[in-house]
Amino acid sequence: MSRDSYGTRGPGKVSRWGTPAYATGVVTVLAVGIYVFYVAAAKETSAVAQDAFLWSGTIGTLILLVAYLLATIGMTLLVFVRRKMPAVPAWQIVVPIAAIIVLGYTLYRNVYPYPLGDAKWYPIAAGAWLVAGIIAVLAAPRTARRLGQALTAEDIGGVVPEAAAEPRLAPAGDEATAS
């Protein structure tokens, strides 16, 4: 995100080995902070510090299920409703519909019946992270748009070009695909 937001300056700056040193440092500090939070939470509950893996895995899985569900819905809208890929036969809509059903059911079974004990916090924590992401997008729509455009831009040598912050246009002479 740092590279796609700031390019090769500031938080997106890479070390002489090409690694995102600043971003790696931030992620490491956050990981330690989360671990400290887990240890503190374990003292207040019946859990032990080793449950941190279970907590992270369950919360992360719930978030991924929502992400996969939204990605599948978005792909279905783009391919079958907006017809951005007209070569795809209409009957193939059964595949994303089946995926939506399976993902929806899996998500449903992970929160119903609602977990008891310490596990009751898993859906709450996952929901809080999802709400935090929504708030971040609403609070910084230009940054969110720039990140989205950078994610869809072509990588050049592993680094997203600075021009990715601007909308991409079709190559000259390719007006048919420049919608």
N, C-alpha and C. Protein backbone atom coordinates (compact mmCIF):
# COMPACT_ATOMS: atom_id res chain seq x y z
N MET A 1 0.82 -1.19 0.00
CA MET A 1 0.00 0.00 0.00
C MET A 1 0.87 1.25 0.00
N SER A 2 1.98 1.19 0.73
CA SER A 2 2.84 2.37 0.76
C SER A 2 3.38 2.67 -0.61
N ARG A 3 3.85 1.64 -1.32
CA ARG A 3 4.39 1.85 -2.65
C ARG A 3 3.33 2.39 -3.59
N ASP A 4 2.12 1.84 -3.50
CA ASP A 4 1.07 2.26 -4.40
C ASP A 4 0.51 3.63 -4.04
N SER A 5 0.66 4.05 -2.78
CA SER A 5 0.17 5.36 -2.36
C SER A 5 1.19 6.46 -2.58
N TYR A 6 2.44 6.16 -2.28
CA TYR A 6 3.47 7.20 -2.29
C TYR A 6 4.52 7.01 -3.36
N GLY A 7 4.45 5.93 -4.12
CA GLY A 7 5.47 5.68 -5.11
C GLY A 7 6.74 5.21 -4.42
N THR A 8 7.88 5.65 -4.88
CA THR A 8 9.15 5.20 -4.32
C THR A 8 9.71 6.18 -3.30
N ARG A 9 8.89 7.10 -2.82
CA ARG A 9 9.35 8.05 -1.81
C ARG A 9 8.60 7.80 -0.50
N GLY A 10 9.05 8.38 0.57
CA GLY A 10 8.38 8.28 1.86
C GLY A 10 8.21 6.84 2.31
N PRO A 11 7.03 6.48 2.78
CA PRO A 11 6.81 5.13 3.29
C PRO A 11 7.02 4.04 2.23
N GLY A 12 6.93 4.41 0.96
CA GLY A 12 7.12 3.43 -0.11
C GLY A 12 8.57 3.23 -0.50
N LYS A 13 9.47 3.94 0.15
CA LYS A 13 10.88 3.86 -0.18
C LYS A 13 11.41 2.46 0.10
N VAL A 14 12.25 1.99 -0.79
CA VAL A 14 12.84 0.67 -0.62
C VAL A 14 14.30 0.80 -0.22
N SER A 15 14.81 -0.28 0.38
CA SER A 15 16.21 -0.30 0.79
C SER A 15 17.08 -0.54 -0.44
N ARG A 16 18.39 -0.57 -0.22
CA ARG A 16 19.29 -0.81 -1.35
C ARG A 16 19.14 -2.21 -1.92
N TRP A 17 18.51 -3.12 -1.18
CA TRP A 17 18.26 -4.47 -1.65
C TRP A 17 16.90 -4.60 -2.33
N GLY A 18 16.16 -3.52 -2.38
CA GLY A 18 14.86 -3.55 -3.03
C GLY A 18 13.70 -3.94 -2.14
N THR A 19 13.95 -4.10 -0.85
CA THR A 19 12.88 -4.46 0.08
C THR A 19 12.22 -3.20 0.63
N PRO A 20 10.94 -3.26 0.89
CA PRO A 20 10.23 -2.09 1.45
C PRO A 20 10.53 -1.97 2.95
N ALA A 21 11.69 -1.41 3.27
CA ALA A 21 12.20 -1.39 4.64
C ALA A 21 11.25 -0.67 5.60
N TYR A 22 10.78 0.51 5.24
CA TYR A 22 9.91 1.28 6.13
C TYR A 22 8.61 0.52 6.37
N ALA A 23 8.00 0.03 5.31
CA ALA A 23 6.73 -0.70 5.44
C ALA A 23 6.93 -1.97 6.26
N THR A 24 8.05 -2.66 6.06
CA THR A 24 8.34 -3.86 6.84
C THR A 24 8.48 -3.52 8.31
N GLY A 25 9.12 -2.41 8.62
CA GLY A 25 9.25 -1.97 10.01
C GLY A 25 7.91 -1.68 10.64
N VAL A 26 7.03 -1.01 9.90
CA VAL A 26 5.70 -0.69 10.41
C VAL A 26 4.91 -1.97 10.69
N VAL A 27 4.96 -2.92 9.75
CA VAL A 27 4.25 -4.18 9.93
C VAL A 27 4.81 -4.94 11.14
N THR A 28 6.11 -4.93 11.32
CA THR A 28 6.73 -5.61 12.46
C THR A 28 6.28 -4.99 13.78
N VAL A 29 6.29 -3.67 13.85
CA VAL A 29 5.85 -2.98 15.07
C VAL A 29 4.38 -3.30 15.35
N LEU A 30 3.54 -3.28 14.33
CA LEU A 30 2.13 -3.62 14.51
C LEU A 30 1.96 -5.07 14.97
N ALA A 31 2.74 -5.99 14.40
CA ALA A 31 2.64 -7.39 14.79
C ALA A 31 3.00 -7.57 16.26
N VAL A 32 4.05 -6.89 16.71
CA VAL A 32 4.43 -6.96 18.13
C VAL A 32 3.33 -6.37 18.99
N GLY A 33 2.76 -5.25 18.54
CA GLY A 33 1.66 -4.62 19.28
C GLY A 33 0.46 -5.54 19.40
N ILE A 34 0.12 -6.22 18.33
CA ILE A 34 -1.00 -7.16 18.35
C ILE A 34 -0.70 -8.32 19.30
N TYR A 35 0.54 -8.82 19.28
CA TYR A 35 0.90 -9.90 20.18
C TYR A 35 0.79 -9.46 21.64
N VAL A 36 1.26 -8.25 21.94
CA VAL A 36 1.14 -7.72 23.30
C VAL A 36 -0.33 -7.62 23.69
N PHE A 37 -1.17 -7.17 22.77
CA PHE A 37 -2.61 -7.11 23.03
C PHE A 37 -3.16 -8.50 23.34
N TYR A 38 -2.76 -9.51 22.55
CA TYR A 38 -3.22 -10.87 22.78
C TYR A 38 -2.81 -11.38 24.17
N VAL A 39 -1.57 -11.12 24.54
CA VAL A 39 -1.10 -11.56 25.85
C VAL A 39 -1.90 -10.89 26.96
N ALA A 40 -2.16 -9.59 26.80
CA ALA A 40 -2.96 -8.87 27.80
C ALA A 40 -4.38 -9.40 27.84
N ALA A 41 -4.95 -9.68 26.68
CA ALA A 41 -6.31 -10.21 26.62
C ALA A 41 -6.37 -11.60 27.23
N ALA A 42 -5.31 -12.39 27.05
CA ALA A 42 -5.28 -13.74 27.60
C ALA A 42 -5.33 -13.70 29.12
N LYS A 43 -4.76 -12.67 29.72
CA LYS A 43 -4.78 -12.55 31.18
C LYS A 43 -6.18 -12.24 31.70
N GLU A 44 -7.01 -11.63 30.85
CA GLU A 44 -8.36 -11.25 31.25
C GLU A 44 -9.40 -12.31 30.91
N THR A 45 -9.00 -13.33 30.18
CA THR A 45 -9.93 -14.38 29.78
C THR A 45 -9.39 -15.73 30.22
N SER A 46 -10.07 -16.77 29.84
CA SER A 46 -9.62 -18.12 30.18
C SER A 46 -8.59 -18.63 29.17
N ALA A 47 -8.21 -17.80 28.22
CA ALA A 47 -7.30 -18.22 27.16
C ALA A 47 -5.85 -18.18 27.63
N VAL A 48 -5.01 -18.83 26.85
CA VAL A 48 -3.57 -18.76 27.06
C VAL A 48 -2.96 -18.03 25.87
N ALA A 49 -1.74 -17.54 26.04
CA ALA A 49 -1.12 -16.74 24.98
C ALA A 49 -1.02 -17.50 23.66
N GLN A 50 -0.91 -18.82 23.72
CA GLN A 50 -0.81 -19.60 22.48
C GLN A 50 -2.10 -19.58 21.68
N ASP A 51 -3.19 -19.13 22.28
CA ASP A 51 -4.45 -19.03 21.55
C ASP A 51 -4.42 -17.90 20.53
N ALA A 52 -3.37 -17.08 20.57
CA ALA A 52 -3.26 -15.96 19.62
C ALA A 52 -3.34 -16.46 18.18
N PHE A 53 -2.74 -17.62 17.91
CA PHE A 53 -2.80 -18.15 16.56
C PHE A 53 -4.23 -18.51 16.18
N LEU A 54 -4.94 -19.13 17.11
CA LEU A 54 -6.34 -19.46 16.86
C LEU A 54 -7.16 -18.20 16.64
N TRP A 55 -6.96 -17.20 17.46
CA TRP A 55 -7.70 -15.94 17.33
C TRP A 55 -7.42 -15.32 15.97
N SER A 56 -6.14 -15.16 15.64
CA SER A 56 -5.78 -14.54 14.36
C SER A 56 -6.31 -15.33 13.19
N GLY A 57 -6.16 -16.64 13.26
CA GLY A 57 -6.62 -17.48 12.17
C GLY A 57 -8.13 -17.41 11.96
N THR A 58 -8.87 -17.43 13.04
CA THR A 58 -10.33 -17.39 12.92
C THR A 58 -10.81 -16.03 12.45
N ILE A 59 -10.29 -14.97 13.05
CA ILE A 59 -10.67 -13.62 12.65
C ILE A 59 -10.28 -13.37 11.19
N GLY A 60 -9.06 -13.77 10.83
CA GLY A 60 -8.60 -13.61 9.45
C GLY A 60 -9.43 -14.41 8.46
N THR A 61 -9.84 -15.61 8.86
CA THR A 61 -10.67 -16.43 7.98
C THR A 61 -12.03 -15.78 7.74
N LEU A 62 -12.62 -15.24 8.79
CA LEU A 62 -13.91 -14.55 8.61
C LEU A 62 -13.76 -13.37 7.66
N ILE A 63 -12.69 -12.60 7.82
CA ILE A 63 -12.46 -11.45 6.94
C ILE A 63 -12.23 -11.93 5.50
N LEU A 64 -11.44 -12.99 5.33
CA LEU A 64 -11.20 -13.51 3.98
C LEU A 64 -12.48 -14.03 3.33
N LEU A 65 -13.35 -14.67 4.10
CA LEU A 65 -14.62 -15.13 3.54
C LEU A 65 -15.43 -13.95 3.01
N VAL A 66 -15.46 -12.85 3.77
CA VAL A 66 -16.17 -11.66 3.30
C VAL A 66 -15.50 -11.10 2.05
N ALA A 67 -14.17 -11.05 2.05
CA ALA A 67 -13.43 -10.53 0.89
C ALA A 67 -13.70 -11.39 -0.35
N TYR A 68 -13.64 -12.72 -0.21
CA TYR A 68 -13.91 -13.60 -1.34
C TYR A 68 -15.34 -13.46 -1.82
N LEU A 69 -16.26 -13.32 -0.90
CA LEU A 69 -17.67 -13.15 -1.26
C LEU A 69 -17.85 -11.86 -2.05
N LEU A 70 -17.28 -10.76 -1.56
CA LEU A 70 -17.40 -9.48 -2.27
C LEU A 70 -16.69 -9.52 -3.62
N ALA A 71 -15.53 -10.18 -3.69
CA ALA A 71 -14.82 -10.29 -4.97
C ALA A 71 -15.63 -11.10 -5.98
N THR A 72 -16.26 -12.16 -5.52
CA THR A 72 -17.08 -12.99 -6.42
C THR A 72 -18.31 -12.22 -6.90
N ILE A 73 -18.93 -11.49 -5.99
CA ILE A 73 -20.07 -10.67 -6.39
C ILE A 73 -19.64 -9.60 -7.39
N GLY A 74 -18.51 -8.94 -7.12
CA GLY A 74 -18.00 -7.91 -8.03
C GLY A 74 -17.67 -8.47 -9.40
N MET A 75 -17.03 -9.64 -9.44
CA MET A 75 -16.71 -10.27 -10.72
C MET A 75 -17.99 -10.63 -11.47
N THR A 76 -18.97 -11.14 -10.76
CA THR A 76 -20.24 -11.50 -11.40
C THR A 76 -20.90 -10.27 -12.02
N LEU A 77 -20.88 -9.17 -11.29
CA LEU A 77 -21.46 -7.93 -11.83
C LEU A 77 -20.71 -7.45 -13.06
N LEU A 78 -19.39 -7.47 -13.01
CA LEU A 78 -18.60 -6.99 -14.15
C LEU A 78 -18.74 -7.89 -15.38
N VAL A 79 -18.68 -9.20 -15.17
CA VAL A 79 -18.67 -10.13 -16.30
C VAL A 79 -20.06 -10.42 -16.84
N PHE A 80 -21.03 -10.60 -15.95
CA PHE A 80 -22.34 -11.07 -16.40
C PHE A 80 -23.42 -9.99 -16.42
N VAL A 81 -23.25 -8.92 -15.65
CA VAL A 81 -24.26 -7.85 -15.66
C VAL A 81 -23.81 -6.72 -16.58
N ARG A 82 -22.60 -6.24 -16.37
CA ARG A 82 -22.09 -5.14 -17.22
C ARG A 82 -21.49 -5.64 -18.52
N ARG A 83 -21.28 -6.94 -18.63
CA ARG A 83 -20.75 -7.58 -19.86
C ARG A 83 -19.41 -7.00 -20.28
N LYS A 84 -18.49 -6.83 -19.32
CA LYS A 84 -17.15 -6.32 -19.63
C LYS A 84 -16.30 -7.36 -20.36
N MET A 85 -16.73 -8.61 -20.32
CA MET A 85 -16.07 -9.68 -21.06
C MET A 85 -17.14 -10.41 -21.88
N PRO A 86 -17.52 -9.85 -23.01
CA PRO A 86 -18.64 -10.41 -23.77
C PRO A 86 -18.39 -11.82 -24.29
N ALA A 87 -17.15 -12.29 -24.33
CA ALA A 87 -16.87 -13.62 -24.86
C ALA A 87 -17.24 -14.72 -23.87
N VAL A 88 -17.58 -14.37 -22.63
CA VAL A 88 -17.93 -15.37 -21.63
C VAL A 88 -19.39 -15.78 -21.84
N PRO A 89 -19.62 -17.07 -22.08
CA PRO A 89 -21.00 -17.54 -22.29
C PRO A 89 -21.85 -17.30 -21.03
N ALA A 90 -23.09 -16.90 -21.23
CA ALA A 90 -23.98 -16.56 -20.12
C ALA A 90 -24.24 -17.73 -19.19
N TRP A 91 -24.23 -18.96 -19.71
CA TRP A 91 -24.51 -20.12 -18.85
C TRP A 91 -23.47 -20.31 -17.76
N GLN A 92 -22.26 -19.74 -17.97
CA GLN A 92 -21.20 -19.90 -16.99
C GLN A 92 -21.43 -19.11 -15.70
N ILE A 93 -22.51 -18.35 -15.65
CA ILE A 93 -22.85 -17.65 -14.42
C ILE A 93 -23.11 -18.63 -13.27
N VAL A 94 -23.36 -19.90 -13.59
CA VAL A 94 -23.60 -20.88 -12.53
C VAL A 94 -22.38 -21.04 -11.62
N VAL A 95 -21.18 -20.83 -12.15
CA VAL A 95 -19.96 -21.00 -11.34
C VAL A 95 -19.89 -19.93 -10.25
N PRO A 96 -19.97 -18.63 -10.57
CA PRO A 96 -19.93 -17.66 -9.47
C PRO A 96 -21.14 -17.73 -8.55
N ILE A 97 -22.29 -18.11 -9.08
CA ILE A 97 -23.47 -18.25 -8.20
C ILE A 97 -23.23 -19.39 -7.20
N ALA A 98 -22.66 -20.50 -7.67
CA ALA A 98 -22.33 -21.60 -6.76
C ALA A 98 -21.30 -21.14 -5.73
N ALA A 99 -20.32 -20.37 -6.17
CA ALA A 99 -19.30 -19.86 -5.24
C ALA A 99 -19.92 -18.95 -4.20
N ILE A 100 -20.83 -18.09 -4.62
CA ILE A 100 -21.51 -17.18 -3.68
C ILE A 100 -22.31 -17.99 -2.65
N ILE A 101 -22.97 -19.03 -3.11
CA ILE A 101 -23.74 -19.87 -2.19
C ILE A 101 -22.82 -20.56 -1.19
N VAL A 102 -21.73 -21.15 -1.67
CA VAL A 102 -20.80 -21.85 -0.79
C VAL A 102 -20.14 -20.88 0.19
N LEU A 103 -19.66 -19.74 -0.29
CA LEU A 103 -19.03 -18.76 0.58
C LEU A 103 -20.02 -18.20 1.60
N GLY A 104 -21.23 -17.89 1.14
CA GLY A 104 -22.25 -17.37 2.04
C GLY A 104 -22.62 -18.37 3.12
N TYR A 105 -22.76 -19.63 2.73
CA TYR A 105 -23.10 -20.67 3.71
C TYR A 105 -21.96 -20.86 4.71
N THR A 106 -20.73 -20.87 4.21
CA THR A 106 -19.57 -21.04 5.10
C THR A 106 -19.49 -19.89 6.09
N LEU A 107 -19.69 -18.69 5.61
CA LEU A 107 -19.67 -17.52 6.50
C LEU A 107 -20.80 -17.62 7.52
N TYR A 108 -21.98 -17.98 7.07
CA TYR A 108 -23.14 -18.13 7.94
C TYR A 108 -22.87 -19.17 9.03
N ARG A 109 -22.32 -20.32 8.67
CA ARG A 109 -22.07 -21.38 9.65
C ARG A 109 -20.96 -21.01 10.63
N ASN A 110 -20.14 -20.03 10.29
CA ASN A 110 -19.10 -19.59 11.20
C ASN A 110 -19.60 -18.58 12.23
N VAL A 111 -20.77 -18.02 11.99
CA VAL A 111 -21.31 -17.05 12.95
C VAL A 111 -22.67 -17.47 13.50
N TYR A 112 -23.25 -18.57 12.98
CA TYR A 112 -24.52 -19.05 13.51
C TYR A 112 -24.45 -20.55 13.67
N PRO A 113 -24.73 -21.11 14.82
CA PRO A 113 -25.10 -20.39 16.03
C PRO A 113 -23.91 -19.57 16.53
N TYR A 114 -24.27 -18.45 17.13
CA TYR A 114 -23.23 -17.51 17.55
C TYR A 114 -22.29 -18.20 18.55
N PRO A 115 -20.97 -18.03 18.35
CA PRO A 115 -20.01 -18.68 19.24
C PRO A 115 -20.18 -18.25 20.70
N LEU A 116 -19.85 -19.15 21.60
CA LEU A 116 -19.94 -18.88 23.02
C LEU A 116 -18.54 -18.73 23.63
N GLY A 117 -18.48 -18.25 24.83
CA GLY A 117 -17.21 -18.12 25.53
C GLY A 117 -16.34 -17.06 24.88
N ASP A 118 -15.03 -17.31 24.92
CA ASP A 118 -14.09 -16.35 24.33
C ASP A 118 -14.27 -16.21 22.82
N ALA A 119 -14.78 -17.25 22.18
CA ALA A 119 -14.98 -17.23 20.73
C ALA A 119 -16.02 -16.22 20.29
N LYS A 120 -16.83 -15.70 21.24
CA LYS A 120 -17.85 -14.71 20.86
C LYS A 120 -17.21 -13.44 20.31
N TRP A 121 -15.93 -13.24 20.61
CA TRP A 121 -15.24 -12.03 20.15
C TRP A 121 -14.73 -12.14 18.72
N TYR A 122 -14.65 -13.33 18.15
CA TYR A 122 -14.11 -13.49 16.80
C TYR A 122 -14.93 -12.73 15.76
N PRO A 123 -16.25 -12.96 15.69
CA PRO A 123 -17.02 -12.19 14.70
C PRO A 123 -17.01 -10.68 14.98
N ILE A 124 -16.97 -10.31 16.25
CA ILE A 124 -16.94 -8.88 16.60
C ILE A 124 -15.63 -8.25 16.12
N ALA A 125 -14.51 -8.94 16.37
CA ALA A 125 -13.21 -8.42 15.93
C ALA A 125 -13.13 -8.36 14.41
N ALA A 126 -13.61 -9.41 13.74
CA ALA A 126 -13.59 -9.41 12.27
C ALA A 126 -14.46 -8.28 11.73
N GLY A 127 -15.63 -8.09 12.32
CA GLY A 127 -16.51 -6.99 11.90
C GLY A 127 -15.87 -5.64 12.15
N ALA A 128 -15.17 -5.49 13.27
CA ALA A 128 -14.50 -4.23 13.58
C ALA A 128 -13.43 -3.91 12.53
N TRP A 129 -12.66 -4.93 12.11
CA TRP A 129 -11.65 -4.70 11.07
C TRP A 129 -12.30 -4.33 9.74
N LEU A 130 -13.40 -4.97 9.41
CA LEU A 130 -14.11 -4.63 8.17
C LEU A 130 -14.65 -3.21 8.22
N VAL A 131 -15.20 -2.81 9.36
CA VAL A 131 -15.70 -1.44 9.53
C VAL A 131 -14.53 -0.46 9.45
N ALA A 132 -13.38 -0.81 10.04
CA ALA A 132 -12.21 0.07 9.97
C ALA A 132 -11.79 0.29 8.52
N GLY A 133 -11.84 -0.76 7.71
CA GLY A 133 -11.51 -0.62 6.29
C GLY A 133 -12.48 0.26 5.55
N ILE A 134 -13.76 0.12 5.85
CA ILE A 134 -14.78 0.96 5.22
C ILE A 134 -14.58 2.42 5.62
N ILE A 135 -14.31 2.66 6.90
CA ILE A 135 -14.07 4.02 7.37
C ILE A 135 -12.84 4.61 6.69
N ALA A 136 -11.79 3.82 6.53
CA ALA A 136 -10.57 4.30 5.86
C ALA A 136 -10.86 4.72 4.42
N VAL A 137 -11.66 3.92 3.72
CA VAL A 137 -12.01 4.26 2.33
C VAL A 137 -12.86 5.52 2.29
N LEU A 138 -13.82 5.64 3.20
CA LEU A 138 -14.68 6.82 3.22
C LEU A 138 -13.92 8.07 3.66
N ALA A 139 -12.95 7.90 4.55
CA ALA A 139 -12.18 9.04 5.05
C ALA A 139 -11.15 9.54 4.03
N ALA A 140 -10.66 8.64 3.19
CA ALA A 140 -9.63 9.02 2.22
C ALA A 140 -9.99 8.44 0.85
N PRO A 141 -11.05 8.94 0.21
CA PRO A 141 -11.47 8.34 -1.06
C PRO A 141 -10.44 8.49 -2.18
N ARG A 142 -9.71 9.60 -2.19
CA ARG A 142 -8.70 9.78 -3.24
C ARG A 142 -7.57 8.75 -3.10
N THR A 143 -7.15 8.52 -1.87
CA THR A 143 -6.11 7.52 -1.63
C THR A 143 -6.63 6.14 -2.00
N ALA A 144 -7.85 5.83 -1.62
CA ALA A 144 -8.44 4.53 -1.96
C ALA A 144 -8.53 4.36 -3.47
N ARG A 145 -8.92 5.41 -4.17
CA ARG A 145 -9.02 5.35 -5.64
C ARG A 145 -7.63 5.15 -6.24
N ARG A 146 -6.63 5.86 -5.71
CA ARG A 146 -5.27 5.74 -6.22
C ARG A 146 -4.74 4.32 -5.97
N LEU A 147 -5.03 3.76 -4.81
CA LEU A 147 -4.61 2.38 -4.53
C LEU A 147 -5.28 1.41 -5.48
N GLY A 148 -6.55 1.59 -5.72
CA GLY A 148 -7.26 0.72 -6.65
C GLY A 148 -6.70 0.80 -8.06
N GLN A 149 -6.40 2.01 -8.49
CA GLN A 149 -5.83 2.19 -9.83
C GLN A 149 -4.43 1.58 -9.91
N ALA A 150 -3.66 1.72 -8.84
CA ALA A 150 -2.31 1.15 -8.84
C ALA A 150 -2.37 -0.37 -8.86
N LEU A 151 -3.36 -0.95 -8.19
CA LEU A 151 -3.50 -2.41 -8.19
C LEU A 151 -3.87 -2.94 -9.57
N THR A 152 -4.57 -2.14 -10.36
CA THR A 152 -4.96 -2.60 -11.69
C THR A 152 -3.96 -2.19 -12.76
N ALA A 153 -3.00 -1.36 -12.41
CA ALA A 153 -1.99 -0.92 -13.39
C ALA A 153 -1.01 -2.05 -13.66
N GLU A 154 -0.34 -1.94 -14.78
CA GLU A 154 0.67 -2.93 -15.13
C GLU A 154 1.91 -2.67 -14.30
N ASP A 155 2.49 -3.74 -13.77
CA ASP A 155 3.76 -3.63 -13.07
C ASP A 155 4.88 -3.53 -14.10
N ILE A 156 5.83 -2.66 -13.80
CA ILE A 156 7.00 -2.53 -14.67
C ILE A 156 8.21 -2.83 -13.81
N GLY A 157 8.79 -3.99 -14.01
CA GLY A 157 9.95 -4.38 -13.22
C GLY A 157 9.64 -4.54 -11.74
N GLY A 158 8.41 -4.89 -11.40
CA GLY A 158 8.05 -5.10 -10.02
C GLY A 158 7.67 -3.83 -9.27
N VAL A 159 7.77 -2.67 -9.92
CA VAL A 159 7.43 -1.41 -9.27
C VAL A 159 6.31 -0.75 -10.06
N VAL A 160 5.26 -0.37 -9.38
CA VAL A 160 4.16 0.31 -10.05
C VAL A 160 4.63 1.71 -10.43
N PRO A 161 4.47 2.09 -11.69
CA PRO A 161 4.93 3.41 -12.12
C PRO A 161 4.13 4.52 -11.46
N GLU A 162 4.76 5.69 -11.32
CA GLU A 162 4.09 6.86 -10.74
C GLU A 162 2.83 7.21 -11.53
N ALA A 163 2.85 6.96 -12.83
CA ALA A 163 1.69 7.29 -13.67
C ALA A 163 0.47 6.47 -13.32
N ALA A 164 0.66 5.41 -12.51
CA ALA A 164 -0.49 4.57 -12.14
C ALA A 164 -1.48 5.34 -11.29
N ALA A 165 -1.05 6.45 -10.72
CA ALA A 165 -1.96 7.24 -9.90
C ALA A 165 -3.00 7.93 -10.76
N GLU A 166 -2.75 8.03 -12.05
CA GLU A 166 -3.69 8.65 -12.97
C GLU A 166 -4.45 7.56 -13.70
N PRO A 167 -5.68 7.84 -14.15
CA PRO A 167 -6.44 6.82 -14.88
C PRO A 167 -5.68 6.37 -16.13
N ARG A 168 -5.73 5.08 -16.40
CA ARG A 168 -5.04 4.51 -17.56
C ARG A 168 -5.92 4.67 -18.79
N LEU A 169 -5.32 5.03 -19.89
CA LEU A 169 -6.03 5.15 -21.16
C LEU A 169 -5.58 4.03 -22.07
N ALA A 170 -6.44 3.65 -22.98
CA ALA A 170 -6.09 2.62 -23.95
C ALA A 170 -5.02 3.17 -24.88
N PRO A 171 -4.15 2.30 -25.41
CA PRO A 171 -3.13 2.74 -26.35
C PRO A 171 -3.76 3.42 -27.57
N ALA A 172 -3.01 4.31 -28.19
CA ALA A 172 -3.50 5.03 -29.38
C ALA A 172 -3.94 4.03 -30.43
N GLY A 173 -5.05 4.32 -31.06
CA GLY A 173 -5.56 3.46 -32.11
C GLY A 173 -6.40 2.31 -31.58
N ASP A 174 -6.64 2.27 -30.26
CA ASP A 174 -7.42 1.20 -29.66
C ASP A 174 -8.67 1.76 -29.01
N GLU A 175 -9.37 2.62 -29.73
CA GLU A 175 -10.54 3.34 -29.19
C GLU A 175 -11.66 2.38 -28.81
N ALA A 176 -11.70 1.21 -29.42
CA ALA A 176 -12.81 0.28 -29.14
C ALA A 176 -12.78 -0.22 -27.71
N THR A 177 -11.56 -0.29 -27.11
CA THR A 177 -11.48 -0.80 -25.74
C THR A 177 -11.30 0.30 -24.73
N ALA A 178 -11.37 1.54 -25.14
CA ALA A 178 -11.11 2.67 -24.24
C ALA A 178 -12.40 3.15 -23.57
N SER A 179 -13.19 2.24 -23.02
CA SER A 179 -14.44 2.65 -22.39
C SER A 179 -14.26 3.00 -20.95
